[in-house]
Amino acid sequence: MKDVGANRLNDCFVGIDLEWASSVPGNICEIGVVWFENGKEVSSYKSLVRPIHRAWGSWQYLNLPYRLEDVLEAPTFPEVWEELMPRLKGQMWVAHNAASAEAIYLGSALAYHGLAVPADSALYCSLSLSKRVWKEEVAHGLRRMSQKLNLPLNHHDPESDARACGHIVLHAMGASGVHSTMELRDLLRWRPTSIKRIVPTLPETVESGPTMVFGMALSPWESPVPFQGIQPGQRMVLSGLSEAEKHGIREQAKSLNVRHVSTLNAKTNFVVAGELMGPKKLERCRAFGIPILTKREWLEVWQKNAKS
């Protein structure tokens, strides 16, 4: 197998990725698309999408940088699809783990809104492609393949994920010594994934009630005591925040010599929490007299102390 330069590639295809608001099929909340022509990216698109069911899953609460109230203001799927369709018709679409993700969620969204899958388009899986080309790898997830191929990746940003899918195809063409996706499909017997166009059954919508994360009801809170300020060596606990938010706050805390710990007890100096937090942590904050900061309050504290 030999490397093939991008200027020798003769092909057009599309990387596509979806995020969804909950496990309900078709409940899409964001879409990213990246177009490739002759070995190069030529255009990209990303948009939030109004979900078909008013729900927000535990994983979404912890990992996505927006909330249900944000996507409820977004364009509907038919509005987004109408904008995309002229540029998607007749194209080869590529998504990672397509059979378990895009084939189901995209197909259900199309079926729910009475929209057809273009007869001249087909969905292919870059995960199955990766397994065919890089057989020596023990894992072929998008993060792992991006690391192997030195691809920049902001995982679960759908535009970034779609871009990575496209570059996996380009690397696979190079590694296989072919100049088009048609040759790649023929050489590796890489077949399209069937889009499951099935109208989803929507659960009853819950308009109010507690926000559930991992089966636990999160609670609104007020700090039981005032915050007295930062001191080096203090212990900080995080609650009700996404992984991206936690990562940022942990890095900021390091710069102030503040330790992030996972256990909340009498030795904890303060908590930084989202708009909601676990009831057990809230109860301990009240019992031990531990101050709670909002994300904005923490940022103000960090900025003030970082300058001094």
C-alpha atoms as a PDB file:
ATOM      1  CA  MET A   1       0.000   0.000   0.000  1.00  0.00           C
ATOM      2  CA  LYS A   2       1.307   3.444  -0.871  1.00  0.00           C
ATOM      3  CA  ASP A   3       0.478   6.998   0.003  1.00  0.00           C
ATOM      4  CA  VAL A   4      -1.548   8.959  -2.532  1.00  0.00           C
ATOM      5  CA  GLY A   5      -1.179  12.724  -2.752  1.00  0.00           C
ATOM      6  CA  ALA A   6      -4.338  14.806  -2.354  1.00  0.00           C
ATOM      7  CA  ASN A   7      -3.790  16.460  -5.742  1.00  0.00           C
ATOM      8  CA  ARG A   8      -4.168  13.050  -7.401  1.00  0.00           C
ATOM      9  CA  LEU A   9      -7.493  12.219  -5.786  1.00  0.00           C
ATOM     10  CA  ASN A  10     -10.505  12.372  -8.049  1.00  0.00           C
ATOM     11  CA  ASP A  11     -13.626  12.320  -5.954  1.00  0.00           C
ATOM     12  CA  CYS A  12     -16.397  14.159  -4.062  1.00  0.00           C
ATOM     13  CA  PHE A  13     -18.061  13.088  -0.824  1.00  0.00           C
ATOM     14  CA  VAL A  14     -19.510  14.493   2.400  1.00  0.00           C
ATOM     15  CA  GLY A  15     -18.665  13.958   6.070  1.00  0.00           C
ATOM     16  CA  ILE A  16     -21.723  14.175   8.306  1.00  0.00           C
ATOM     17  CA  ASP A  17     -22.301  13.989  12.062  1.00  0.00           C
ATOM     18  CA  LEU A  18     -25.300  14.392  14.352  1.00  0.00           C
ATOM     19  CA  GLU A  19     -25.820  15.082  18.026  1.00  0.00           C
ATOM     20  CA  TRP A  20     -29.123  14.222  19.682  1.00  0.00           C
ATOM     21  CA  ALA A  21     -31.021  15.562  22.663  1.00  0.00           C
ATOM     22  CA  SER A  22     -31.998  12.170  24.066  1.00  0.00           C
ATOM     23  CA  SER A  23     -32.076   8.484  23.185  1.00  0.00           C
ATOM     24  CA  VAL A  24     -35.377   8.905  21.319  1.00  0.00           C
ATOM     25  CA  PRO A  25     -34.604   8.085  17.646  1.00  0.00           C
ATOM     26  CA  GLY A  26     -34.794  11.183  15.484  1.00  0.00           C
ATOM     27  CA  ASN A  27     -34.397  13.592  18.397  1.00  0.00           C
ATOM     28  CA  ILE A  28     -31.561  15.485  16.690  1.00  0.00           C
ATOM     29  CA  CYS A  29     -30.250  18.652  18.342  1.00  0.00           C
ATOM     30  CA  GLU A  30     -27.242  19.530  16.146  1.00  0.00           C
ATOM     31  CA  ILE A  31     -25.822  18.668  12.728  1.00  0.00           C
ATOM     32  CA  GLY A  32     -22.432  19.180  11.110  1.00  0.00           C
ATOM     33  CA  VAL A  33     -21.532  18.630   7.449  1.00  0.00           C
ATOM     34  CA  VAL A  34     -18.199  18.974   5.636  1.00  0.00           C
ATOM     35  CA  TRP A  35     -17.843  18.711   1.837  1.00  0.00           C
ATOM     36  CA  PHE A  36     -14.692  17.270   0.212  1.00  0.00           C
ATOM     37  CA  GLU A  37     -13.647  17.544  -3.424  1.00  0.00           C
ATOM     38  CA  ASN A  38     -10.509  16.082  -4.991  1.00  0.00           C
ATOM     39  CA  GLY A  39      -8.820  15.426  -1.657  1.00  0.00           C
ATOM     40  CA  LYS A  40      -9.570  18.772  -0.025  1.00  0.00           C
ATOM     41  CA  GLU A  41     -12.225  20.290   2.206  1.00  0.00           C
ATOM     42  CA  VAL A  42     -14.210  22.863   0.254  1.00  0.00           C
ATOM     43  CA  SER A  43     -17.069  23.834   2.566  1.00  0.00           C
ATOM     44  CA  SER A  44     -18.661  23.182   5.954  1.00  0.00           C
ATOM     45  CA  TYR A  45     -21.953  23.697   7.778  1.00  0.00           C
ATOM     46  CA  LYS A  46     -23.117  23.470  11.383  1.00  0.00           C
ATOM     47  CA  SER A  47     -26.434  24.248  13.048  1.00  0.00           C
ATOM     48  CA  LEU A  48     -28.376  23.523  16.188  1.00  0.00           C
ATOM     49  CA  VAL A  49     -31.660  21.719  15.482  1.00  0.00           C
ATOM     50  CA  ARG A  50     -34.924  21.904  17.405  1.00  0.00           C
ATOM     51  CA  PRO A  51     -35.537  18.363  18.747  1.00  0.00           C
ATOM     52  CA  ILE A  52     -38.810  16.589  18.055  1.00  0.00           C
ATOM     53  CA  HIS A  53     -39.182  15.609  21.719  1.00  0.00           C
ATOM     54  CA  ARG A  54     -38.728  17.952  24.661  1.00  0.00           C
ATOM     55  CA  ALA A  55     -36.095  15.894  26.490  1.00  0.00           C
ATOM     56  CA  TRP A  56     -32.441  16.237  27.462  1.00  0.00           C
ATOM     57  CA  GLY A  57     -30.418  13.149  28.333  1.00  0.00           C
ATOM     58  CA  SER A  58     -27.881  12.617  31.098  1.00  0.00           C
ATOM     59  CA  TRP A  59     -24.990  12.316  28.655  1.00  0.00           C
ATOM     60  CA  GLN A  60     -26.069  15.498  26.884  1.00  0.00           C
ATOM     61  CA  TYR A  61     -26.292  17.402  30.166  1.00  0.00           C
ATOM     62  CA  LEU A  62     -22.716  16.469  31.034  1.00  0.00           C
ATOM     63  CA  ASN A  63     -21.063  16.692  27.616  1.00  0.00           C
ATOM     64  CA  LEU A  64     -22.727  19.223  25.314  1.00  0.00           C
ATOM     65  CA  PRO A  65     -21.932  22.955  25.667  1.00  0.00           C
ATOM     66  CA  TYR A  66     -25.589  24.020  25.452  1.00  0.00           C
ATOM     67  CA  ARG A  67     -28.891  23.067  27.057  1.00  0.00           C
ATOM     68  CA  LEU A  68     -32.406  22.049  26.031  1.00  0.00           C
ATOM     69  CA  GLU A  69     -33.647  25.641  26.234  1.00  0.00           C
ATOM     70  CA  ASP A  70     -31.022  26.640  23.645  1.00  0.00           C
ATOM     71  CA  VAL A  71     -32.003  24.038  21.050  1.00  0.00           C
ATOM     72  CA  LEU A  72     -35.722  24.693  21.530  1.00  0.00           C
ATOM     73  CA  GLU A  73     -35.045  28.076  19.893  1.00  0.00           C
ATOM     74  CA  ALA A  74     -33.183  26.503  16.939  1.00  0.00           C
ATOM     75  CA  PRO A  75     -34.520  25.873  13.404  1.00  0.00           C
ATOM     76  CA  THR A  76     -36.584  22.724  12.913  1.00  0.00           C
ATOM     77  CA  PHE A  77     -35.092  19.716  11.168  1.00  0.00           C
ATOM     78  CA  PRO A  78     -37.144  20.312   7.969  1.00  0.00           C
ATOM     79  CA  GLU A  79     -35.825  23.902   7.847  1.00  0.00           C
ATOM     80  CA  VAL A  80     -32.226  22.726   8.198  1.00  0.00           C
ATOM     81  CA  TRP A  81     -32.735  19.846   5.763  1.00  0.00           C
ATOM     82  CA  GLU A  82     -34.277  22.129   3.130  1.00  0.00           C
ATOM     83  CA  GLU A  83     -31.142  24.273   3.280  1.00  0.00           C
ATOM     84  CA  LEU A  84     -28.805  21.273   3.071  1.00  0.00           C
ATOM     85  CA  MET A  85     -30.630  19.078   0.572  1.00  0.00           C
ATOM     86  CA  PRO A  86     -29.523  20.797  -2.668  1.00  0.00           C
ATOM     87  CA  ARG A  87     -25.896  20.201  -1.664  1.00  0.00           C
ATOM     88  CA  LEU A  88     -26.404  16.672  -0.286  1.00  0.00           C
ATOM     89  CA  LYS A  89     -28.306  15.147  -3.207  1.00  0.00           C
ATOM     90  CA  GLY A  90     -26.238  12.769  -5.251  1.00  0.00           C
ATOM     91  CA  GLN A  91     -23.438  12.702  -2.691  1.00  0.00           C
ATOM     92  CA  MET A  92     -21.773   9.903  -0.776  1.00  0.00           C
ATOM     93  CA  TRP A  93     -22.315  10.599   2.948  1.00  0.00           C
ATOM     94  CA  VAL A  94     -19.769   9.338   5.487  1.00  0.00           C
ATOM     95  CA  ALA A  95     -20.345   9.080   9.251  1.00  0.00           C
ATOM     96  CA  HIS A  96     -18.505   7.232  12.003  1.00  0.00           C
ATOM     97  CA  ASN A  97     -20.450   4.304  13.497  1.00  0.00           C
ATOM     98  CA  ALA A  98     -23.176   5.134  11.013  1.00  0.00           C
ATOM     99  CA  ALA A  99     -25.186   1.927  11.476  1.00  0.00           C
ATOM    100  CA  SER A 100     -25.750   2.615  15.189  1.00  0.00           C
ATOM    101  CA  ALA A 101     -26.049   6.395  15.020  1.00  0.00           C
ATOM    102  CA  GLU A 102     -26.720   8.434  11.860  1.00  0.00           C
ATOM    103  CA  ALA A 103     -28.609   5.649  10.072  1.00  0.00           C
ATOM    104  CA  ILE A 104     -31.084   5.501  12.968  1.00  0.00           C
ATOM    105  CA  TYR A 105     -31.332   9.133  14.078  1.00  0.00           C
ATOM    106  CA  LEU A 106     -31.271  10.659  10.607  1.00  0.00           C
ATOM    107  CA  GLY A 107     -33.662   8.052   9.250  1.00  0.00           C
ATOM    108  CA  SER A 108     -36.110   8.554  12.117  1.00  0.00           C
ATOM    109  CA  ALA A 109     -36.011  12.345  11.738  1.00  0.00           C
ATOM    110  CA  LEU A 110     -36.707  12.027   8.006  1.00  0.00           C
ATOM    111  CA  ALA A 111     -39.575   9.605   8.637  1.00  0.00           C
ATOM    112  CA  TYR A 112     -41.079  11.720  11.426  1.00  0.00           C
ATOM    113  CA  HIS A 113     -41.227  14.772   9.163  1.00  0.00           C
ATOM    114  CA  GLY A 114     -42.311  12.848   6.061  1.00  0.00           C
ATOM    115  CA  LEU A 115     -39.068  13.525   4.201  1.00  0.00           C
ATOM    116  CA  ALA A 116     -37.535  11.058   1.761  1.00  0.00           C
ATOM    117  CA  VAL A 117     -33.967   9.813   1.534  1.00  0.00           C
ATOM    118  CA  PRO A 118     -32.605  10.937  -1.842  1.00  0.00           C
ATOM    119  CA  ALA A 119     -32.449   7.920  -4.136  1.00  0.00           C
ATOM    120  CA  ASP A 120     -29.082   9.022  -5.531  1.00  0.00           C
ATOM    121  CA  SER A 121     -27.343   9.361  -2.136  1.00  0.00           C
ATOM    122  CA  ALA A 122     -25.888   6.695   0.151  1.00  0.00           C
ATOM    123  CA  LEU A 123     -24.550   6.579   3.727  1.00  0.00           C
ATOM    124  CA  TYR A 124     -21.194   4.898   4.442  1.00  0.00           C
ATOM    125  CA  CYS A 125     -19.482   4.188   7.771  1.00  0.00           C
ATOM    126  CA  SER A 126     -15.918   5.407   8.402  1.00  0.00           C
ATOM    127  CA  LEU A 127     -15.736   3.088  11.444  1.00  0.00           C
ATOM    128  CA  SER A 128     -16.179  -0.013   9.282  1.00  0.00           C
ATOM    129  CA  LEU A 129     -13.720   1.488   6.786  1.00  0.00           C
ATOM    130  CA  SER A 130     -11.141   2.007   9.548  1.00  0.00           C
ATOM    131  CA  LYS A 131     -11.479  -1.619  10.608  1.00  0.00           C
ATOM    132  CA  ARG A 132     -10.776  -2.743   7.042  1.00  0.00           C
ATOM    133  CA  VAL A 133      -7.748  -0.492   6.482  1.00  0.00           C
ATOM    134  CA  TRP A 134      -6.051  -0.468   9.904  1.00  0.00           C
ATOM    135  CA  LYS A 135      -6.664  -4.030  11.038  1.00  0.00           C
ATOM    136  CA  GLU A 136      -3.760  -3.920  13.493  1.00  0.00           C
ATOM    137  CA  GLU A 137      -5.514  -1.349  15.685  1.00  0.00           C
ATOM    138  CA  VAL A 138      -7.354  -2.687  18.742  1.00  0.00           C
ATOM    139  CA  ALA A 139      -9.900   0.173  18.667  1.00  0.00           C
ATOM    140  CA  HIS A 140     -11.284   2.238  15.802  1.00  0.00           C
ATOM    141  CA  GLY A 141     -13.446   4.905  17.472  1.00  0.00           C
ATOM    142  CA  LEU A 142     -13.313   8.421  16.104  1.00  0.00           C
ATOM    143  CA  ARG A 143     -11.095   9.716  18.906  1.00  0.00           C
ATOM    144  CA  ARG A 144      -8.666   6.818  18.514  1.00  0.00           C
ATOM    145  CA  MET A 145      -8.448   7.134  14.727  1.00  0.00           C
ATOM    146  CA  SER A 146      -7.978  10.890  14.966  1.00  0.00           C
ATOM    147  CA  GLN A 147      -5.041  10.341  17.304  1.00  0.00           C
ATOM    148  CA  LYS A 148      -3.531   7.719  15.011  1.00  0.00           C
ATOM    149  CA  LEU A 149      -3.857   9.892  11.908  1.00  0.00           C
ATOM    150  CA  ASN A 150      -2.917  13.125  13.710  1.00  0.00           C
ATOM    151  CA  LEU A 151      -6.269  14.748  12.953  1.00  0.00           C
ATOM    152  CA  PRO A 152      -7.464  17.719  15.030  1.00  0.00           C
ATOM    153  CA  LEU A 153     -10.674  16.765  16.825  1.00  0.00           C
ATOM    154  CA  ASN A 154     -13.079  18.594  19.106  1.00  0.00           C
ATOM    155  CA  HIS A 155     -15.110  15.485  19.823  1.00  0.00           C
ATOM    156  CA  HIS A 156     -18.907  15.885  19.797  1.00  0.00           C
ATOM    157  CA  ASP A 157     -18.682  19.158  17.934  1.00  0.00           C
ATOM    158  CA  PRO A 158     -20.492  17.755  14.861  1.00  0.00           C
ATOM    159  CA  GLU A 159     -18.561  19.856  12.352  1.00  0.00           C
ATOM    160  CA  SER A 160     -15.247  18.672  13.821  1.00  0.00           C
ATOM    161  CA  ASP A 161     -16.442  15.051  13.894  1.00  0.00           C
ATOM    162  CA  ALA A 162     -17.710  15.265  10.301  1.00  0.00           C
ATOM    163  CA  ARG A 163     -14.367  16.718   9.210  1.00  0.00           C
ATOM    164  CA  ALA A 164     -12.494  13.871  10.904  1.00  0.00           C
ATOM    165  CA  CYS A 165     -14.703  11.319   9.124  1.00  0.00           C
ATOM    166  CA  GLY A 166     -13.805  12.880   5.781  1.00  0.00           C
ATOM    167  CA  HIS A 167     -10.094  12.855   6.517  1.00  0.00           C
ATOM    168  CA  ILE A 168     -10.272   9.203   7.563  1.00  0.00           C
ATOM    169  CA  VAL A 169     -11.601   8.464   4.072  1.00  0.00           C
ATOM    170  CA  LEU A 170      -8.750  10.447   2.492  1.00  0.00           C
ATOM    171  CA  HIS A 171      -6.149   8.625   4.610  1.00  0.00           C
ATOM    172  CA  ALA A 172      -7.763   5.288   3.747  1.00  0.00           C
ATOM    173  CA  MET A 173      -7.519   6.090   0.047  1.00  0.00           C
ATOM    174  CA  GLY A 174      -3.858   6.962   0.469  1.00  0.00           C
ATOM    175  CA  ALA A 175      -3.080   3.858   2.513  1.00  0.00           C
ATOM    176  CA  SER A 176      -4.877   1.663  -0.035  1.00  0.00           C
ATOM    177  CA  GLY A 177      -3.224   3.208  -3.091  1.00  0.00           C
ATOM    178  CA  VAL A 178      -6.464   4.257  -4.780  1.00  0.00           C
ATOM    179  CA  HIS A 179      -7.595   7.560  -6.263  1.00  0.00           C
ATOM    180  CA  SER A 180     -11.345   7.563  -5.668  1.00  0.00           C
ATOM    181  CA  THR A 181     -13.964   6.351  -3.224  1.00  0.00           C
ATOM    182  CA  MET A 182     -15.317   4.079  -5.948  1.00  0.00           C
ATOM    183  CA  GLU A 183     -11.980   2.288  -6.118  1.00  0.00           C
ATOM    184  CA  LEU A 184     -11.867   2.208  -2.330  1.00  0.00           C
ATOM    185  CA  ARG A 185     -15.343   0.658  -2.109  1.00  0.00           C
ATOM    186  CA  ASP A 186     -14.491  -1.946  -4.726  1.00  0.00           C
ATOM    187  CA  LEU A 187     -11.100  -2.835  -3.238  1.00  0.00           C
ATOM    188  CA  LEU A 188     -12.308  -3.216   0.360  1.00  0.00           C
ATOM    189  CA  ARG A 189     -15.889  -4.309  -0.349  1.00  0.00           C
ATOM    190  CA  TRP A 190     -17.017  -1.280   1.626  1.00  0.00           C
ATOM    191  CA  ARG A 191     -20.796  -1.241   1.404  1.00  0.00           C
ATOM    192  CA  PRO A 192     -23.374   1.467   2.221  1.00  0.00           C
ATOM    193  CA  THR A 193     -25.313   1.441   5.468  1.00  0.00           C
ATOM    194  CA  SER A 194     -29.089   1.241   5.222  1.00  0.00           C
ATOM    195  CA  ILE A 195     -30.847   4.354   6.545  1.00  0.00           C
ATOM    196  CA  LYS A 196     -33.576   3.214   8.953  1.00  0.00           C
ATOM    197  CA  ARG A 197     -36.500   5.392   7.935  1.00  0.00           C
ATOM    198  CA  ILE A 198     -38.878   4.472  10.778  1.00  0.00           C
ATOM    199  CA  VAL A 199     -41.291   6.913  12.435  1.00  0.00           C
ATOM    200  CA  PRO A 200     -40.298   7.061  16.128  1.00  0.00           C
ATOM    201  CA  THR A 201     -42.721   6.648  18.998  1.00  0.00           C
ATOM    202  CA  LEU A 202     -42.312   9.679  21.227  1.00  0.00           C
ATOM    203  CA  PRO A 203     -42.588   9.270  25.018  1.00  0.00           C
ATOM    204  CA  GLU A 204     -44.949  11.527  26.917  1.00  0.00           C
ATOM    205  CA  THR A 205     -43.420  14.986  27.160  1.00  0.00           C
ATOM    206  CA  VAL A 206     -42.515  16.123  30.644  1.00  0.00           C
ATOM    207  CA  GLU A 207     -42.979  19.883  30.765  1.00  0.00           C
ATOM    208  CA  SER A 208     -41.852  20.245  34.363  1.00  0.00           C
ATOM    209  CA  GLY A 209     -40.255  18.305  37.180  1.00  0.00           C
ATOM    210  CA  PRO A 210     -36.703  17.605  38.335  1.00  0.00           C
ATOM    211  CA  THR A 211     -33.797  17.377  35.925  1.00  0.00           C
ATOM    212  CA  MET A 212     -32.502  13.820  35.992  1.00  0.00           C
ATOM    213  CA  VAL A 213     -28.833  12.924  35.520  1.00  0.00           C
ATOM    214  CA  PHE A 214     -27.836   9.252  35.870  1.00  0.00           C
ATOM    215  CA  GLY A 215     -31.182   8.602  37.546  1.00  0.00           C
ATOM    216  CA  MET A 216     -30.662  11.283  40.192  1.00  0.00           C
ATOM    217  CA  ALA A 217     -32.791  14.402  40.511  1.00  0.00           C
ATOM    218  CA  LEU A 218     -30.649  17.531  40.540  1.00  0.00           C
ATOM    219  CA  SER A 219     -31.694  20.458  42.696  1.00  0.00           C
ATOM    220  CA  PRO A 220     -31.546  24.244  42.423  1.00  0.00           C
ATOM    221  CA  TRP A 221     -29.406  25.690  45.220  1.00  0.00           C
ATOM    222  CA  GLU A 222     -28.316  28.722  47.190  1.00  0.00           C
ATOM    223  CA  SER A 223     -24.956  28.937  48.914  1.00  0.00           C
ATOM    224  CA  PRO A 224     -25.400  28.164  52.642  1.00  0.00           C
ATOM    225  CA  VAL A 225     -22.561  30.540  53.625  1.00  0.00           C
ATOM    226  CA  PRO A 226     -20.682  33.422  51.938  1.00  0.00           C
ATOM    227  CA  PHE A 227     -17.464  32.657  50.088  1.00  0.00           C
ATOM    228  CA  GLN A 228     -14.442  34.086  51.926  1.00  0.00           C
ATOM    229  CA  GLY A 229     -11.864  33.991  49.124  1.00  0.00           C
ATOM    230  CA  ILE A 230      -9.152  31.794  47.607  1.00  0.00           C
ATOM    231  CA  GLN A 231      -6.132  30.439  49.458  1.00  0.00           C
ATOM    232  CA  PRO A 232      -3.412  28.191  47.981  1.00  0.00           C
ATOM    233  CA  GLY A 233      -3.898  24.530  48.846  1.00  0.00           C
ATOM    234  CA  GLN A 234      -7.680  24.734  49.188  1.00  0.00           C
ATOM    235  CA  ARG A 235      -9.891  21.833  48.105  1.00  0.00           C
ATOM    236  CA  MET A 236     -12.582  22.325  45.479  1.00  0.00           C
ATOM    237  CA  VAL A 237     -15.447  20.041  44.388  1.00  0.00           C
ATOM    238  CA  LEU A 238     -17.379  20.422  41.102  1.00  0.00           C
ATOM    239  CA  SER A 239     -21.055  19.548  40.648  1.00  0.00           C
ATOM    240  CA  GLY A 240     -23.746  19.790  37.968  1.00  0.00           C
ATOM    241  CA  LEU A 241     -21.272  20.778  35.236  1.00  0.00           C
ATOM    242  CA  SER A 242     -20.438  19.341  31.825  1.00  0.00           C
ATOM    243  CA  GLU A 243     -17.117  17.594  31.272  1.00  0.00           C
ATOM    244  CA  ALA A 244     -15.924  20.519  29.164  1.00  0.00           C
ATOM    245  CA  GLU A 245     -16.819  22.967  31.936  1.00  0.00           C
ATOM    246  CA  LYS A 246     -15.118  20.792  34.555  1.00  0.00           C
ATOM    247  CA  HIS A 247     -11.954  20.545  32.493  1.00  0.00           C
ATOM    248  CA  GLY A 248     -11.733  24.322  32.121  1.00  0.00           C
ATOM    249  CA  ILE A 249     -12.300  24.984  35.822  1.00  0.00           C
ATOM    250  CA  ARG A 250      -9.775  22.320  36.855  1.00  0.00           C
ATOM    251  CA  GLU A 251      -7.119  23.962  34.681  1.00  0.00           C
ATOM    252  CA  GLN A 252      -7.916  27.387  36.139  1.00  0.00           C
ATOM    253  CA  ALA A 253      -7.772  25.982  39.673  1.00  0.00           C
ATOM    254  CA  LYS A 254      -4.311  24.502  39.031  1.00  0.00           C
ATOM    255  CA  SER A 255      -2.996  27.957  38.195  1.00  0.00           C
ATOM    256  CA  LEU A 256      -4.109  29.129  41.659  1.00  0.00           C
ATOM    257  CA  ASN A 257      -2.743  26.036  43.424  1.00  0.00           C
ATOM    258  CA  VAL A 258      -6.262  24.907  44.287  1.00  0.00           C
ATOM    259  CA  ARG A 259      -6.863  21.135  44.383  1.00  0.00           C
ATOM    260  CA  HIS A 260      -9.819  19.528  42.654  1.00  0.00           C
ATOM    261  CA  VAL A 261     -11.141  16.576  44.698  1.00  0.00           C
ATOM    262  CA  SER A 262     -14.088  14.278  44.033  1.00  0.00           C
ATOM    263  CA  THR A 263     -15.243  13.661  47.614  1.00  0.00           C
ATOM    264  CA  LEU A 264     -17.184  16.374  49.399  1.00  0.00           C
ATOM    265  CA  ASN A 265     -16.576  16.346  53.168  1.00  0.00           C
ATOM    266  CA  ALA A 266     -15.728  18.659  56.063  1.00  0.00           C
ATOM    267  CA  LYS A 267     -12.265  19.308  54.549  1.00  0.00           C
ATOM    268  CA  THR A 268     -13.764  20.730  51.334  1.00  0.00           C
ATOM    269  CA  ASN A 269     -13.271  24.495  51.126  1.00  0.00           C
ATOM    270  CA  PHE A 270     -15.805  25.335  48.423  1.00  0.00           C
ATOM    271  CA  VAL A 271     -17.927  23.921  45.580  1.00  0.00           C
ATOM    272  CA  VAL A 272     -18.374  25.250  42.051  1.00  0.00           C
ATOM    273  CA  ALA A 273     -21.753  24.180  40.665  1.00  0.00           C
ATOM    274  CA  GLY A 274     -23.970  24.575  37.637  1.00  0.00           C
ATOM    275  CA  GLU A 275     -27.520  25.829  37.967  1.00  0.00           C
ATOM    276  CA  LEU A 276     -28.400  22.429  39.454  1.00  0.00           C
ATOM    277  CA  MET A 277     -26.454  20.053  41.692  1.00  0.00           C
ATOM    278  CA  GLY A 278     -26.825  16.664  43.340  1.00  0.00           C
ATOM    279  CA  PRO A 279     -28.988  16.693  46.492  1.00  0.00           C
ATOM    280  CA  LYS A 280     -26.434  14.781  48.590  1.00  0.00           C
ATOM    281  CA  LYS A 281     -23.725  17.317  47.815  1.00  0.00           C
ATOM    282  CA  LEU A 282     -26.114  20.147  48.567  1.00  0.00           C
ATOM    283  CA  GLU A 283     -27.029  18.536  51.890  1.00  0.00           C
ATOM    284  CA  ARG A 284     -23.342  18.192  52.823  1.00  0.00           C
ATOM    285  CA  CYS A 285     -22.614  21.796  51.901  1.00  0.00           C
ATOM    286  CA  ARG A 286     -25.370  22.864  54.282  1.00  0.00           C
ATOM    287  CA  ALA A 287     -24.245  20.473  57.035  1.00  0.00           C
ATOM    288  CA  PHE A 288     -20.558  21.488  56.854  1.00  0.00           C
ATOM    289  CA  GLY A 289     -21.107  25.156  56.045  1.00  0.00           C
ATOM    290  CA  ILE A 290     -19.339  24.953  52.667  1.00  0.00           C
ATOM    291  CA  PRO A 291     -19.805  27.877  50.257  1.00  0.00           C
ATOM    292  CA  ILE A 292     -21.052  27.230  46.709  1.00  0.00           C
ATOM    293  CA  LEU A 293     -20.038  29.355  43.726  1.00  0.00           C
ATOM    294  CA  THR A 294     -21.739  29.680  40.371  1.00  0.00           C
ATOM    295  CA  LYS A 295     -19.607  29.308  37.230  1.00  0.00           C
ATOM    296  CA  ARG A 296     -19.687  33.084  36.786  1.00  0.00           C
ATOM    297  CA  GLU A 297     -18.654  33.715  40.394  1.00  0.00           C
ATOM    298  CA  TRP A 298     -15.774  31.253  40.025  1.00  0.00           C
ATOM    299  CA  LEU A 299     -14.616  32.960  36.825  1.00  0.00           C
ATOM    300  CA  GLU A 300     -14.611  36.338  38.580  1.00  0.00           C
ATOM    301  CA  VAL A 301     -12.613  34.883  41.497  1.00  0.00           C
ATOM    302  CA  TRP A 302     -10.148  33.218  39.154  1.00  0.00           C
ATOM    303  CA  GLN A 303      -9.633  36.312  37.019  1.00  0.00           C
ATOM    304  CA  LYS A 304      -9.097  38.490  40.079  1.00  0.00           C
ATOM    305  CA  ASN A 305      -6.563  36.114  41.631  1.00  0.00           C
ATOM    306  CA  ALA A 306      -4.814  35.302  38.351  1.00  0.00           C
ATOM    307  CA  LYS A 307      -3.970  39.003  37.922  1.00  0.00           C
ATOM    308  CA  SER A 308      -2.617  39.438  41.459  1.00  0.00           C
END
